[in-house]
PDB file of all heavy atoms in Angstrom:
ATOM      1  N   ASP A   1       9.321   8.641   3.804  1.00  0.00           N
ATOM      2  CA  ASP A   1      10.766   8.793   3.929  1.00  0.00           C
ATOM      3  C   ASP A   1      11.470   7.653   3.212  1.00  0.00           C
ATOM      4  O   ASP A   1      11.139   6.477   3.407  1.00  0.00           O
ATOM      5  CB  ASP A   1      11.176   8.804   5.410  1.00  0.00           C
ATOM      6  CG  ASP A   1      10.750  10.077   6.129  1.00  0.00           C
ATOM      7  OD1 ASP A   1      10.461  11.071   5.426  1.00  0.00           O
ATOM      8  OD2 ASP A   1      10.696  10.062   7.372  1.00  0.00           O
ATOM      9  N   GLY A   2      12.437   8.011   2.382  1.00  0.00           N
ATOM     10  CA  GLY A   2      13.163   7.006   1.620  1.00  0.00           C
ATOM     11  C   GLY A   2      12.401   6.492   0.421  1.00  0.00           C
ATOM     12  O   GLY A   2      12.713   5.412  -0.095  1.00  0.00           O
ATOM     13  N   CYS A   3      11.404   7.241  -0.047  1.00  0.00           N
ATOM     14  CA  CYS A   3      10.560   6.817  -1.167  1.00  0.00           C
ATOM     15  C   CYS A   3      11.418   6.530  -2.408  1.00  0.00           C
ATOM     16  O   CYS A   3      12.067   7.433  -2.943  1.00  0.00           O
ATOM     17  CB  CYS A   3       9.537   7.906  -1.485  1.00  0.00           C
ATOM     18  SG  CYS A   3       8.531   7.570  -2.945  1.00  0.00           S
ATOM     19  N   PRO A   4      11.447   5.298  -2.890  1.00  0.00           N
ATOM     20  CA  PRO A   4      12.318   4.960  -4.030  1.00  0.00           C
ATOM     21  C   PRO A   4      11.881   5.608  -5.341  1.00  0.00           C
ATOM     22  O   PRO A   4      12.727   5.887  -6.198  1.00  0.00           O
ATOM     23  CB  PRO A   4      12.229   3.439  -4.099  1.00  0.00           C
ATOM     24  CG  PRO A   4      10.946   3.090  -3.434  1.00  0.00           C
ATOM     25  CD  PRO A   4      10.725   4.116  -2.379  1.00  0.00           C
ATOM     26  N   ILE A   5      10.588   5.838  -5.521  1.00  0.00           N
ATOM     27  CA  ILE A   5      10.133   6.495  -6.747  1.00  0.00           C
ATOM     28  C   ILE A   5      10.603   7.943  -6.769  1.00  0.00           C
ATOM     29  O   ILE A   5      11.017   8.457  -7.814  1.00  0.00           O
ATOM     30  CB  ILE A   5       8.595   6.420  -6.865  1.00  0.00           C
ATOM     31  CG1 ILE A   5       8.142   4.963  -7.034  1.00  0.00           C
ATOM     32  CG2 ILE A   5       8.104   7.263  -8.042  1.00  0.00           C
ATOM     33  CD1 ILE A   5       8.649   4.276  -8.281  1.00  0.00           C
ATOM     34  N   HIS A   6      10.583   8.588  -5.620  1.00  0.00           N
ATOM     35  CA  HIS A   6      11.093   9.966  -5.546  1.00  0.00           C
ATOM     36  C   HIS A   6      12.595   9.995  -5.816  1.00  0.00           C
ATOM     37  O   HIS A   6      13.096  10.873  -6.541  1.00  0.00           O
ATOM     38  CB  HIS A   6      10.787  10.566  -4.178  1.00  0.00           C
ATOM     39  CG  HIS A   6      11.266  11.976  -4.026  1.00  0.00           C
ATOM     40  ND1 HIS A   6      12.462  12.298  -3.414  1.00  0.00           N
ATOM     41  CD2 HIS A   6      10.720  13.154  -4.451  1.00  0.00           C
ATOM     42  CE1 HIS A   6      12.624  13.607  -3.459  1.00  0.00           C
ATOM     43  NE2 HIS A   6      11.593  14.145  -4.078  1.00  0.00           N
ATOM     44  N   ALA A   7      13.327   9.020  -5.247  1.00  0.00           N
ATOM     45  CA  ALA A   7      14.773   8.947  -5.489  1.00  0.00           C
ATOM     46  C   ALA A   7      15.057   8.723  -6.971  1.00  0.00           C
ATOM     47  O   ALA A   7      15.978   9.329  -7.540  1.00  0.00           O
ATOM     48  CB  ALA A   7      15.377   7.821  -4.652  1.00  0.00           C
ATOM     49  N   PHE A   8      14.257   7.869  -7.603  1.00  0.00           N
ATOM     50  CA  PHE A   8      14.404   7.626  -9.042  1.00  0.00           C
ATOM     51  C   PHE A   8      14.144   8.914  -9.829  1.00  0.00           C
ATOM     52  O   PHE A   8      14.902   9.269 -10.737  1.00  0.00           O
ATOM     53  CB  PHE A   8      13.426   6.534  -9.484  1.00  0.00           C
ATOM     54  CG  PHE A   8      13.296   6.395 -10.973  1.00  0.00           C
ATOM     55  CD1 PHE A   8      14.304   5.825 -11.724  1.00  0.00           C
ATOM     56  CD2 PHE A   8      12.162   6.860 -11.630  1.00  0.00           C
ATOM     57  CE1 PHE A   8      14.190   5.708 -13.102  1.00  0.00           C
ATOM     58  CE2 PHE A   8      12.030   6.742 -13.004  1.00  0.00           C
ATOM     59  CZ  PHE A   8      13.057   6.161 -13.740  1.00  0.00           C
ATOM     60  N   ARG A   9      13.077   9.627  -9.475  1.00  0.00           N
ATOM     61  CA  ARG A   9      12.722  10.877 -10.150  1.00  0.00           C
ATOM     62  C   ARG A   9      13.869  11.881 -10.087  1.00  0.00           C
ATOM     63  O   ARG A   9      14.253  12.475 -11.104  1.00  0.00           O
ATOM     64  CB  ARG A   9      11.477  11.487  -9.514  1.00  0.00           C
ATOM     65  CG  ARG A   9      11.009  12.809 -10.110  1.00  0.00           C
ATOM     66  CD  ARG A   9       9.846  13.357  -9.297  1.00  0.00           C
ATOM     67  NE  ARG A   9       9.226  14.505  -9.927  1.00  0.00           N
ATOM     68  CZ  ARG A   9       9.633  15.771  -9.780  1.00  0.00           C
ATOM     69  NH1 ARG A   9      10.702  16.040  -9.015  1.00  0.00           N
ATOM     70  NH2 ARG A   9       8.998  16.756 -10.396  1.00  0.00           N
ATOM     71  N   GLU A  10      14.438  12.060  -8.899  1.00  0.00           N
ATOM     72  CA  GLU A  10      15.516  13.043  -8.738  1.00  0.00           C
ATOM     73  C   GLU A  10      16.760  12.622  -9.504  1.00  0.00           C
ATOM     74  O   GLU A  10      17.454  13.457 -10.085  1.00  0.00           O
ATOM     75  CB  GLU A  10      15.831  13.220  -7.248  1.00  0.00           C
ATOM     76  CG  GLU A  10      14.658  13.757  -6.433  1.00  0.00           C
ATOM     77  CD  GLU A  10      14.088  15.039  -7.022  1.00  0.00           C
ATOM     78  OE1 GLU A  10      14.847  16.018  -7.135  1.00  0.00           O
ATOM     79  OE2 GLU A  10      12.895  15.055  -7.399  1.00  0.00           O
ATOM     80  N   LYS A  11      17.029  11.324  -9.536  1.00  0.00           N
ATOM     81  CA  LYS A  11      18.197  10.831 -10.271  1.00  0.00           C
ATOM     82  C   LYS A  11      18.020  11.054 -11.770  1.00  0.00           C
ATOM     83  O   LYS A  11      18.969  11.471 -12.457  1.00  0.00           O
ATOM     84  CB  LYS A  11      18.376   9.332  -9.984  1.00  0.00           C
ATOM     85  CG  LYS A  11      19.602   8.716 -10.640  1.00  0.00           C
ATOM     86  CD  LYS A  11      20.875   9.250 -10.039  1.00  0.00           C
ATOM     87  CE  LYS A  11      22.091   8.493 -10.556  1.00  0.00           C
ATOM     88  NZ  LYS A  11      23.356   9.065 -10.034  1.00  0.00           N
ATOM     89  N   VAL A  12      16.824  10.802 -12.276  1.00  0.00           N
ATOM     90  CA  VAL A  12      16.568  10.986 -13.705  1.00  0.00           C
ATOM     91  C   VAL A  12      16.722  12.451 -14.089  1.00  0.00           C
ATOM     92  O   VAL A  12      17.323  12.781 -15.120  1.00  0.00           O
ATOM     93  CB  VAL A  12      15.156  10.480 -14.073  1.00  0.00           C
ATOM     94  CG1 VAL A  12      14.776  10.934 -15.479  1.00  0.00           C
ATOM     95  CG2 VAL A  12      15.098   8.962 -13.998  1.00  0.00           C
ATOM     96  N   ILE A  13      16.165  13.349 -13.265  1.00  0.00           N
ATOM     97  CA  ILE A  13      16.276  14.783 -13.550  1.00  0.00           C
ATOM     98  C   ILE A  13      17.743  15.208 -13.577  1.00  0.00           C
ATOM     99  O   ILE A  13      18.191  15.923 -14.480  1.00  0.00           O
ATOM    100  CB  ILE A  13      15.499  15.596 -12.511  1.00  0.00           C
ATOM    101  CG1 ILE A  13      14.000  15.346 -12.650  1.00  0.00           C
ATOM    102  CG2 ILE A  13      15.800  17.089 -12.657  1.00  0.00           C
ATOM    103  CD1 ILE A  13      13.164  15.975 -11.559  1.00  0.00           C
ATOM    104  N   LYS A  14      18.507  14.744 -12.595  1.00  0.00           N
ATOM    105  CA  LYS A  14      19.936  15.091 -12.530  1.00  0.00           C
ATOM    106  C   LYS A  14      20.683  14.562 -13.746  1.00  0.00           C
ATOM    107  O   LYS A  14      21.487  15.278 -14.359  1.00  0.00           O
ATOM    108  CB  LYS A  14      20.538  14.524 -11.249  1.00  0.00           C
ATOM    109  CG  LYS A  14      22.018  14.844 -11.074  1.00  0.00           C
ATOM    110  CD  LYS A  14      22.544  14.268  -9.765  1.00  0.00           C
ATOM    111  CE  LYS A  14      24.041  14.557  -9.617  1.00  0.00           C
ATOM    112  NZ  LYS A  14      24.579  13.990  -8.342  1.00  0.00           N
ATOM    113  N   ASN A  15      20.400  13.314 -14.096  1.00  0.00           N
ATOM    114  CA  ASN A  15      21.078  12.730 -15.261  1.00  0.00           C
ATOM    115  C   ASN A  15      20.715  13.458 -16.545  1.00  0.00           C
ATOM    116  O   ASN A  15      21.557  13.663 -17.419  1.00  0.00           O
ATOM    117  CB  ASN A  15      20.713  11.251 -15.390  1.00  0.00           C
ATOM    118  CG  ASN A  15      21.408  10.388 -14.357  1.00  0.00           C
ATOM    119  OD1 ASN A  15      22.278  10.865 -13.642  1.00  0.00           O
ATOM    120  ND2 ASN A  15      21.013   9.137 -14.272  1.00  0.00           N
ATOM    121  N   TYR A  16      19.449  13.841 -16.677  1.00  0.00           N
ATOM    122  CA  TYR A  16      19.001  14.527 -17.882  1.00  0.00           C
ATOM    123  C   TYR A  16      19.704  15.873 -18.017  1.00  0.00           C
ATOM    124  O   TYR A  16      20.193  16.236 -19.084  1.00  0.00           O
ATOM    125  CB  TYR A  16      17.488  14.736 -17.852  1.00  0.00           C
ATOM    126  CG  TYR A  16      16.953  15.399 -19.108  1.00  0.00           C
ATOM    127  CD1 TYR A  16      16.651  14.646 -20.240  1.00  0.00           C
ATOM    128  CD2 TYR A  16      16.771  16.781 -19.171  1.00  0.00           C
ATOM    129  CE1 TYR A  16      16.185  15.241 -21.390  1.00  0.00           C
ATOM    130  CE2 TYR A  16      16.301  17.384 -20.319  1.00  0.00           C
ATOM    131  CZ  TYR A  16      16.011  16.615 -21.429  1.00  0.00           C
ATOM    132  OH  TYR A  16      15.548  17.224 -22.565  1.00  0.00           O
ATOM    133  N   GLU A  17      19.759  16.616 -16.915  1.00  0.00           N
ATOM    134  CA  GLU A  17      20.371  17.945 -16.955  1.00  0.00           C
ATOM    135  C   GLU A  17      21.871  17.878 -17.256  1.00  0.00           C
ATOM    136  O   GLU A  17      22.424  18.778 -17.875  1.00  0.00           O
ATOM    137  CB  GLU A  17      20.126  18.656 -15.629  1.00  0.00           C
ATOM    138  CG  GLU A  17      18.665  19.029 -15.406  1.00  0.00           C
ATOM    139  CD  GLU A  17      18.403  19.616 -14.035  1.00  0.00           C
ATOM    140  OE1 GLU A  17      19.322  19.508 -13.172  1.00  0.00           O
ATOM    141  OE2 GLU A  17      17.314  20.162 -13.813  1.00  0.00           O
ATOM    142  N   SER A  18      22.509  16.798 -16.822  1.00  0.00           N
ATOM    143  CA  SER A  18      23.948  16.674 -17.043  1.00  0.00           C
ATOM    144  C   SER A  18      24.287  16.019 -18.378  1.00  0.00           C
ATOM    145  O   SER A  18      25.443  15.966 -18.766  1.00  0.00           O
ATOM    146  CB  SER A  18      24.586  15.856 -15.913  1.00  0.00           C
ATOM    147  OG  SER A  18      24.097  14.530 -15.919  1.00  0.00           O
ATOM    148  N   ALA A  19      23.262  15.528 -19.072  1.00  0.00           N
ATOM    149  CA  ALA A  19      23.502  14.798 -20.323  1.00  0.00           C
ATOM    150  C   ALA A  19      22.847  15.468 -21.516  1.00  0.00           C
ATOM    151  O   ALA A  19      22.603  14.825 -22.529  1.00  0.00           O
ATOM    152  CB  ALA A  19      22.997  13.366 -20.197  1.00  0.00           C
ATOM    153  N   ILE A  20      22.517  16.775 -21.423  1.00  0.00           N
ATOM    154  CA  ILE A  20      21.931  17.475 -22.559  1.00  0.00           C
ATOM    155  C   ILE A  20      22.876  17.381 -23.751  1.00  0.00           C
ATOM    156  O   ILE A  20      24.050  17.715 -23.672  1.00  0.00           O
ATOM    157  CB  ILE A  20      21.676  18.959 -22.226  1.00  0.00           C
ATOM    158  CG1 ILE A  20      20.608  19.077 -21.133  1.00  0.00           C
ATOM    159  CG2 ILE A  20      21.270  19.724 -23.464  1.00  0.00           C
ATOM    160  CD1 ILE A  20      19.241  18.595 -21.560  1.00  0.00           C
ATOM    161  N   GLY A  21      22.340  16.901 -24.855  1.00  0.00           N
ATOM    162  CA  GLY A  21      23.145  16.746 -26.061  1.00  0.00           C
ATOM    163  C   GLY A  21      23.978  15.478 -26.054  1.00  0.00           C
ATOM    164  O   GLY A  21      24.648  15.173 -27.028  1.00  0.00           O
ATOM    165  N   GLY A  22      23.958  14.725 -24.965  1.00  0.00           N
ATOM    166  CA  GLY A  22      24.724  13.504 -24.902  1.00  0.00           C
ATOM    167  C   GLY A  22      23.831  12.280 -24.943  1.00  0.00           C
ATOM    168  O   GLY A  22      22.643  12.363 -25.195  1.00  0.00           O
ATOM    169  N   SER A  23      24.429  11.147 -24.680  1.00  0.00           N
ATOM    170  CA  SER A  23      23.671   9.894 -24.737  1.00  0.00           C
ATOM    171  C   SER A  23      23.104   9.549 -23.363  1.00  0.00           C
ATOM    172  O   SER A  23      23.635   9.949 -22.340  1.00  0.00           O
ATOM    173  CB  SER A  23      24.573   8.759 -25.228  1.00  0.00           C
ATOM    174  OG  SER A  23      25.643   8.561 -24.329  1.00  0.00           O
ATOM    175  N   ARG A  24      22.000   8.804 -23.374  1.00  0.00           N
ATOM    176  CA  ARG A  24      21.398   8.335 -22.136  1.00  0.00           C
ATOM    177  C   ARG A  24      21.171   6.834 -22.256  1.00  0.00           C
ATOM    178  O   ARG A  24      20.767   6.352 -23.302  1.00  0.00           O
ATOM    179  CB  ARG A  24      20.064   9.058 -21.869  1.00  0.00           C
ATOM    180  CG  ARG A  24      20.233  10.568 -21.792  1.00  0.00           C
ATOM    181  CD  ARG A  24      18.889  11.268 -21.587  1.00  0.00           C
ATOM    182  NE  ARG A  24      19.066  12.705 -21.605  1.00  0.00           N
ATOM    183  CZ  ARG A  24      19.105  13.437 -22.720  1.00  0.00           C
ATOM    184  NH1 ARG A  24      18.971  12.842 -23.881  1.00  0.00           N
ATOM    185  NH2 ARG A  24      19.278  14.729 -22.658  1.00  0.00           N
ATOM    186  N   ASN A  25      21.420   6.127 -21.174  1.00  0.00           N
ATOM    187  CA  ASN A  25      21.326   4.684 -21.194  1.00  0.00           C
ATOM    188  C   ASN A  25      19.891   4.264 -20.911  1.00  0.00           C
ATOM    189  O   ASN A  25      19.441   4.285 -19.767  1.00  0.00           O
ATOM    190  CB  ASN A  25      22.285   4.099 -20.149  1.00  0.00           C
ATOM    191  CG  ASN A  25      22.412   2.592 -20.276  1.00  0.00           C
ATOM    192  OD1 ASN A  25      21.439   1.901 -20.563  1.00  0.00           O
ATOM    193  ND2 ASN A  25      23.613   2.090 -20.070  1.00  0.00           N
ATOM    194  N   ARG A  26      19.153   3.895 -21.955  1.00  0.00           N
ATOM    195  CA  ARG A  26      17.759   3.498 -21.788  1.00  0.00           C
ATOM    196  C   ARG A  26      17.629   2.256 -20.922  1.00  0.00           C
ATOM    197  O   ARG A  26      16.753   2.164 -20.074  1.00  0.00           O
ATOM    198  CB  ARG A  26      17.124   3.222 -23.152  1.00  0.00           C
ATOM    199  CG  ARG A  26      16.768   4.448 -23.947  1.00  0.00           C
ATOM    200  CD  ARG A  26      16.116   4.014 -25.249  1.00  0.00           C
ATOM    201  NE  ARG A  26      15.509   5.133 -25.943  1.00  0.00           N
ATOM    202  CZ  ARG A  26      14.814   4.994 -27.065  1.00  0.00           C
ATOM    203  NH1 ARG A  26      14.648   3.794 -27.595  1.00  0.00           N
ATOM    204  NH2 ARG A  26      14.278   6.046 -27.658  1.00  0.00           N
ATOM    205  N   GLN A  27      18.501   1.279 -21.170  1.00  0.00           N
ATOM    206  CA  GLN A  27      18.393   0.024 -20.448  1.00  0.00           C
ATOM    207  C   GLN A  27      18.581   0.253 -18.955  1.00  0.00           C
ATOM    208  O   GLN A  27      17.835  -0.291 -18.127  1.00  0.00           O
ATOM    209  CB  GLN A  27      19.421  -0.973 -20.965  1.00  0.00           C
ATOM    210  CG  GLN A  27      19.325  -2.343 -20.294  1.00  0.00           C
ATOM    211  CD  GLN A  27      20.238  -3.364 -20.940  1.00  0.00           C
ATOM    212  OE1 GLN A  27      20.825  -3.095 -21.978  1.00  0.00           O
ATOM    213  NE2 GLN A  27      20.363  -4.522 -20.330  1.00  0.00           N
ATOM    214  N   SER A  28      19.569   1.062 -18.585  1.00  0.00           N
ATOM    215  CA  SER A  28      19.800   1.362 -17.177  1.00  0.00           C
ATOM    216  C   SER A  28      18.593   2.051 -16.556  1.00  0.00           C
ATOM    217  O   SER A  28      18.193   1.746 -15.425  1.00  0.00           O
ATOM    218  CB  SER A  28      21.044   2.255 -17.034  1.00  0.00           C
ATOM    219  OG  SER A  28      21.226   2.634 -15.688  1.00  0.00           O
ATOM    220  N   MET A  29      17.983   2.978 -17.304  1.00  0.00           N
ATOM    221  CA  MET A  29      16.816   3.682 -16.794  1.00  0.00           C
ATOM    222  C   MET A  29      15.651   2.728 -16.544  1.00  0.00           C
ATOM    223  O   MET A  29      14.962   2.804 -15.513  1.00  0.00           O
ATOM    224  CB  MET A  29      16.366   4.772 -17.782  1.00  0.00           C
ATOM    225  CG  MET A  29      15.203   5.612 -17.262  1.00  0.00           C
ATOM    226  SD  MET A  29      14.435   6.637 -18.543  1.00  0.00           S
ATOM    227  CE  MET A  29      15.811   7.624 -19.073  1.00  0.00           C
ATOM    228  N   ILE A  30      15.431   1.805 -17.466  1.00  0.00           N
ATOM    229  CA  ILE A  30      14.315   0.867 -17.323  1.00  0.00           C
ATOM    230  C   ILE A  30      14.519  -0.038 -16.120  1.00  0.00           C
ATOM    231  O   ILE A  30      13.610  -0.235 -15.310  1.00  0.00           O
ATOM    232  CB  ILE A  30      14.157   0.039 -18.614  1.00  0.00           C
ATOM    233  CG1 ILE A  30      13.708   0.943 -19.766  1.00  0.00           C
ATOM    234  CG2 ILE A  30      13.145  -1.091 -18.406  1.00  0.00           C
ATOM    235  CD1 ILE A  30      13.760   0.274 -21.115  1.00  0.00           C
TER     236      ILE A  30
END
């Protein structure tokens, strides 16, 4: 419960889907 890697995974998927064709912040992701 509260697994941070799972939270990171879901956030990345959401950001990717909302940023198709747009820019993504590599530094923030790292």
